[in-house]
Amino acid sequence: MGTDGALTPQETSDAVTGAGWRLVLGAAVAGVPVGSLAEAAGVAARAVAAAGADADGHLRLDLRPDRVLLYVRSAATATVTRRDLDVVARISAAVDGIEPGARPLDLLEIAIDALDIAAVRPFWQAILGYVDEPGAGGPLAALVDPAGRGPAVWFQQMDAPRPQRNRIHVDVSVPHDEATARVKAALAAGGTLRSDAEAPAFWVLADPEGNEACVSTWQGRD
């Protein structure tokens, strides 16, 4: 496999977990706790410098006064590649304080059940002002916020209408080693488990009125 070759989720997770990163929603994600926005800017500058020429096409940053979140994956393919692993290694060597405890590393998606995805997708693209997910285009691909602020929207193919349940739900993608705790917390907060048949890929839960949400990980998807 070449430098730009895509990796399996298991290969990616095995490669980055020991360095404090986690695979979440198709990206290598890490957190760095900081004490100020000025400190966050310094962490970001070191990360960008370490990524070098690969920064624009492989690195995304979220700076806050208490943390910096780092996201690495190929913008061209919407996957983690061997080149991305090299970017992760360079950033890890240049940035102190990367740790799994610098939460949250969760990423949110909105899923819309549809009988005819090609018919409903343009409406959501227009009303949200979203664009095709870079590197994963096509009439059935997810939609993303071009400013990188809102959650992605994806479409789940249905075989028949489901009038007795919500047809829009949220998918909360979490680090694989946090999923069980997140499910237990939701159940303790009054939720019910609708299905764990696909776990650890996802658990389907519902609030006390039956509105559903999924806790998802990369596992179980190879």
Protein backbone atom coordinates (compact mmCIF):
# COMPACT_ATOMS: atom_id res chain seq x y z
CA MET A 1 0.00 0.00 0.00
CA GLY A 2 1.34 3.40 -0.96
CA THR A 3 1.78 6.48 1.17
CA ASP A 4 -1.69 7.75 0.28
CA GLY A 5 -3.44 4.38 0.57
CA ALA A 6 -6.55 4.22 2.73
CA LEU A 7 -6.39 2.14 5.89
CA THR A 8 -8.96 -0.06 7.55
CA PRO A 9 -10.50 1.29 10.76
CA GLN A 10 -8.68 -1.37 12.76
CA GLU A 11 -5.31 -0.44 11.22
CA THR A 12 -5.93 3.24 11.95
CA SER A 13 -7.04 2.68 15.53
CA ASP A 14 -4.10 0.39 16.26
CA ALA A 15 -1.70 2.96 14.86
CA VAL A 16 -2.96 6.06 16.69
CA THR A 17 -4.43 4.91 20.01
CA GLY A 18 -1.11 4.53 21.80
CA ALA A 19 -0.24 8.16 21.04
CA GLY A 20 -3.42 9.46 22.70
CA TRP A 21 -5.46 9.78 19.50
CA ARG A 22 -8.76 8.05 18.77
CA LEU A 23 -10.54 7.09 15.56
CA VAL A 24 -13.91 8.87 15.52
CA LEU A 25 -16.21 9.20 12.52
CA GLY A 26 -13.48 8.44 10.02
CA ALA A 27 -10.83 10.79 11.42
CA ALA A 28 -7.91 10.52 13.82
CA VAL A 29 -8.89 12.85 16.67
CA ALA A 30 -6.88 14.10 19.64
CA GLY A 31 -7.25 16.67 22.38
CA VAL A 32 -4.73 18.91 24.10
CA PRO A 33 -5.79 20.64 27.35
CA VAL A 34 -4.63 24.27 27.57
CA GLY A 35 -5.01 27.16 30.00
CA SER A 36 -5.75 30.03 27.64
CA LEU A 37 -6.60 30.88 24.06
CA ALA A 38 -3.06 32.18 23.61
CA GLU A 39 -1.73 28.79 24.67
CA ALA A 40 -4.19 27.13 22.30
CA ALA A 41 -2.87 29.25 19.45
CA GLY A 42 0.66 28.13 20.25
CA VAL A 43 -0.37 24.46 20.19
CA ALA A 44 -2.11 25.02 16.87
CA ALA A 45 0.95 26.73 15.41
CA ARG A 46 3.17 23.79 16.38
CA ALA A 47 0.70 21.32 14.91
CA VAL A 48 0.48 23.21 11.62
CA ALA A 49 4.25 23.51 11.42
CA ALA A 50 4.65 19.78 12.07
CA ALA A 51 2.10 18.91 9.40
CA GLY A 52 3.97 21.14 6.96
CA ALA A 53 2.79 20.94 3.37
CA ASP A 54 0.17 18.36 4.41
CA ALA A 55 -1.61 20.73 6.81
CA ASP A 56 -4.19 22.14 4.40
CA GLY A 57 -5.24 18.79 3.00
CA HIS A 58 -5.09 16.68 6.16
CA LEU A 59 -5.42 18.73 9.36
CA ARG A 60 -8.37 20.52 10.95
CA LEU A 61 -8.21 22.40 14.25
CA ASP A 62 -10.72 23.55 16.86
CA LEU A 63 -9.29 26.09 19.31
CA ARG A 64 -10.92 26.90 22.67
CA PRO A 65 -9.58 28.58 25.82
CA ASP A 66 -9.45 25.20 27.59
CA ARG A 67 -8.47 22.81 24.79
CA VAL A 68 -7.34 22.27 21.23
CA LEU A 69 -8.95 19.51 19.21
CA LEU A 70 -6.97 18.03 16.32
CA TYR A 71 -8.59 16.15 13.44
CA VAL A 72 -6.49 14.37 10.81
CA ARG A 73 -7.74 12.69 7.66
CA SER A 74 -7.38 13.16 3.92
CA ALA A 75 -9.71 15.84 2.60
CA ALA A 76 -9.34 14.36 -0.88
CA THR A 77 -10.63 10.91 0.03
CA ALA A 78 -12.51 11.45 3.33
CA THR A 79 -10.46 8.59 4.79
CA VAL A 80 -7.42 8.13 7.00
CA THR A 81 -4.43 7.18 4.87
CA ARG A 82 -0.85 6.22 5.55
CA ARG A 83 0.08 9.83 4.84
CA ASP A 84 -2.30 10.85 7.62
CA LEU A 85 -0.57 8.48 10.02
CA ASP A 86 2.67 10.26 9.19
CA VAL A 87 0.98 13.60 9.94
CA VAL A 88 -0.29 12.23 13.27
CA ALA A 89 3.22 11.03 14.18
CA ARG A 90 4.78 14.39 13.34
CA ILE A 91 2.18 16.32 15.33
CA SER A 92 2.51 13.96 18.29
CA ALA A 93 6.26 14.56 18.34
CA ALA A 94 5.85 18.34 18.16
CA VAL A 95 2.93 18.91 20.54
CA ASP A 96 3.10 18.16 24.25
CA GLY A 97 0.07 17.14 26.27
CA ILE A 98 -1.94 15.06 23.81
CA GLU A 99 -4.10 12.82 25.95
CA PRO A 100 -7.31 10.80 25.69
CA GLY A 101 -8.68 12.73 28.67
CA ALA A 102 -8.80 16.03 26.75
CA ARG A 103 -12.48 15.57 25.96
CA PRO A 104 -14.80 15.83 24.25
CA LEU A 105 -13.71 13.92 21.18
CA ASP A 106 -17.29 13.15 20.13
CA LEU A 107 -18.57 14.02 16.68
CA LEU A 108 -22.24 14.44 15.84
CA GLU A 109 -24.19 13.40 12.74
CA ILE A 110 -27.87 13.78 11.89
CA ALA A 111 -29.42 10.79 10.13
CA ILE A 112 -32.55 11.14 7.99
CA ASP A 113 -34.54 8.03 7.06
CA ALA A 114 -35.72 8.22 3.45
CA LEU A 115 -37.50 6.02 0.94
CA ASP A 116 -36.04 8.05 -1.95
CA ILE A 117 -32.74 9.59 -0.89
CA ALA A 118 -32.15 11.25 -4.25
CA ALA A 119 -35.49 13.06 -3.91
CA VAL A 120 -35.10 14.38 -0.34
CA ARG A 121 -31.36 15.09 -0.27
CA PRO A 122 -31.49 18.25 -2.45
CA PHE A 123 -34.04 19.83 -0.07
CA TRP A 124 -31.76 19.38 2.93
CA GLN A 125 -28.74 20.58 0.98
CA ALA A 126 -30.60 23.73 -0.04
CA ILE A 127 -32.22 24.60 3.29
CA LEU A 128 -29.01 24.01 5.29
CA GLY A 129 -26.63 25.54 2.74
CA TYR A 130 -24.52 22.39 2.97
CA VAL A 131 -22.21 20.84 0.38
CA ASP A 132 -21.23 17.32 -0.64
CA GLU A 133 -18.76 15.74 1.75
CA PRO A 134 -15.33 16.34 0.16
CA GLY A 135 -13.80 13.17 -1.16
CA ALA A 136 -17.04 11.21 -0.82
CA GLY A 137 -19.30 12.92 -3.34
CA GLY A 138 -22.23 11.45 -5.20
CA PRO A 139 -26.03 11.60 -5.02
CA LEU A 140 -26.18 9.49 -1.85
CA ALA A 141 -23.19 10.97 0.02
CA ALA A 142 -23.38 12.83 3.31
CA LEU A 143 -23.83 16.60 3.39
CA VAL A 144 -21.50 18.80 5.44
CA ASP A 145 -21.34 22.38 6.63
CA PRO A 146 -18.80 24.20 4.40
CA ALA A 147 -17.81 26.31 7.43
CA GLY A 148 -17.15 23.18 9.51
CA ARG A 149 -19.52 24.19 12.33
CA GLY A 150 -22.69 22.12 12.03
CA PRO A 151 -23.03 18.32 12.18
CA ALA A 152 -22.92 16.23 9.04
CA VAL A 153 -26.24 14.99 7.62
CA TRP A 154 -26.51 11.52 6.11
CA PHE A 155 -29.39 9.55 4.67
CA GLN A 156 -30.45 6.06 5.71
CA GLN A 157 -32.24 3.99 3.09
CA MET A 158 -35.66 2.76 4.22
CA ASP A 159 -37.70 -0.03 2.63
CA ALA A 160 -41.04 1.18 4.02
CA PRO A 161 -42.40 4.19 5.93
CA ARG A 162 -42.03 4.21 9.71
CA PRO A 163 -44.87 6.42 10.91
CA GLN A 164 -44.64 5.34 14.57
CA ARG A 165 -41.07 6.53 15.18
CA ASN A 166 -38.96 9.57 14.49
CA ARG A 167 -37.41 9.58 11.02
CA ILE A 168 -34.61 11.98 11.94
CA HIS A 169 -32.20 10.94 14.68
CA VAL A 170 -28.76 11.90 15.93
CA ASP A 171 -25.71 9.65 15.77
CA VAL A 172 -23.16 10.40 18.47
CA SER A 173 -19.80 8.98 17.37
CA VAL A 174 -17.53 8.43 20.36
CA PRO A 175 -14.09 6.93 20.97
CA HIS A 176 -14.41 3.15 21.02
CA ASP A 177 -13.25 2.92 24.62
CA GLU A 178 -15.95 5.31 25.85
CA ALA A 179 -19.01 3.82 24.15
CA THR A 180 -20.13 1.46 26.90
CA ALA A 181 -19.95 4.20 29.53
CA ARG A 182 -21.91 6.56 27.30
CA VAL A 183 -24.65 3.97 26.77
CA LYS A 184 -24.85 3.28 30.52
CA ALA A 185 -25.10 7.00 31.23
CA ALA A 186 -27.97 7.39 28.75
CA LEU A 187 -29.81 4.45 30.31
CA ALA A 188 -29.28 5.85 33.81
CA ALA A 189 -30.72 9.17 32.61
CA GLY A 190 -34.04 7.54 31.73
CA GLY A 191 -33.31 6.08 28.30
CA THR A 192 -34.11 2.63 27.04
CA LEU A 193 -32.04 0.31 24.88
CA ARG A 194 -33.87 -0.42 21.64
CA SER A 195 -31.18 -2.59 20.09
CA ASP A 196 -27.58 -3.64 20.60
CA ALA A 197 -27.64 -6.13 17.72
CA GLU A 198 -25.07 -4.09 15.78
CA ALA A 199 -22.88 -3.19 18.75
CA PRO A 200 -20.10 -2.11 18.92
CA ALA A 201 -20.80 -0.39 15.58
CA PHE A 202 -23.84 1.26 17.15
CA TRP A 203 -26.40 0.98 19.95
CA VAL A 204 -29.94 2.27 19.35
CA LEU A 205 -31.39 4.05 22.38
CA ALA A 206 -34.55 6.04 22.99
CA ASP A 207 -35.60 8.80 25.38
CA PRO A 208 -38.66 8.37 27.65
CA GLU A 209 -40.97 9.46 24.79
CA GLY A 210 -39.46 7.10 22.24
CA ASN A 211 -37.23 9.49 20.29
CA GLU A 212 -34.22 7.53 19.11
CA ALA A 213 -30.50 8.22 19.02
CA CYS A 214 -27.47 6.06 18.33
CA VAL A 215 -24.12 5.80 20.08
CA SER A 216 -21.62 4.80 17.40
CA THR A 217 -17.99 3.72 17.13
CA TRP A 218 -15.69 2.65 14.31
CA GLN A 219 -15.67 -0.93 15.52
CA GLY A 220 -17.61 -3.71 13.84
CA ARG A 221 -17.60 -2.01 10.44
CA ASP A 222 -14.82 -3.80 8.55
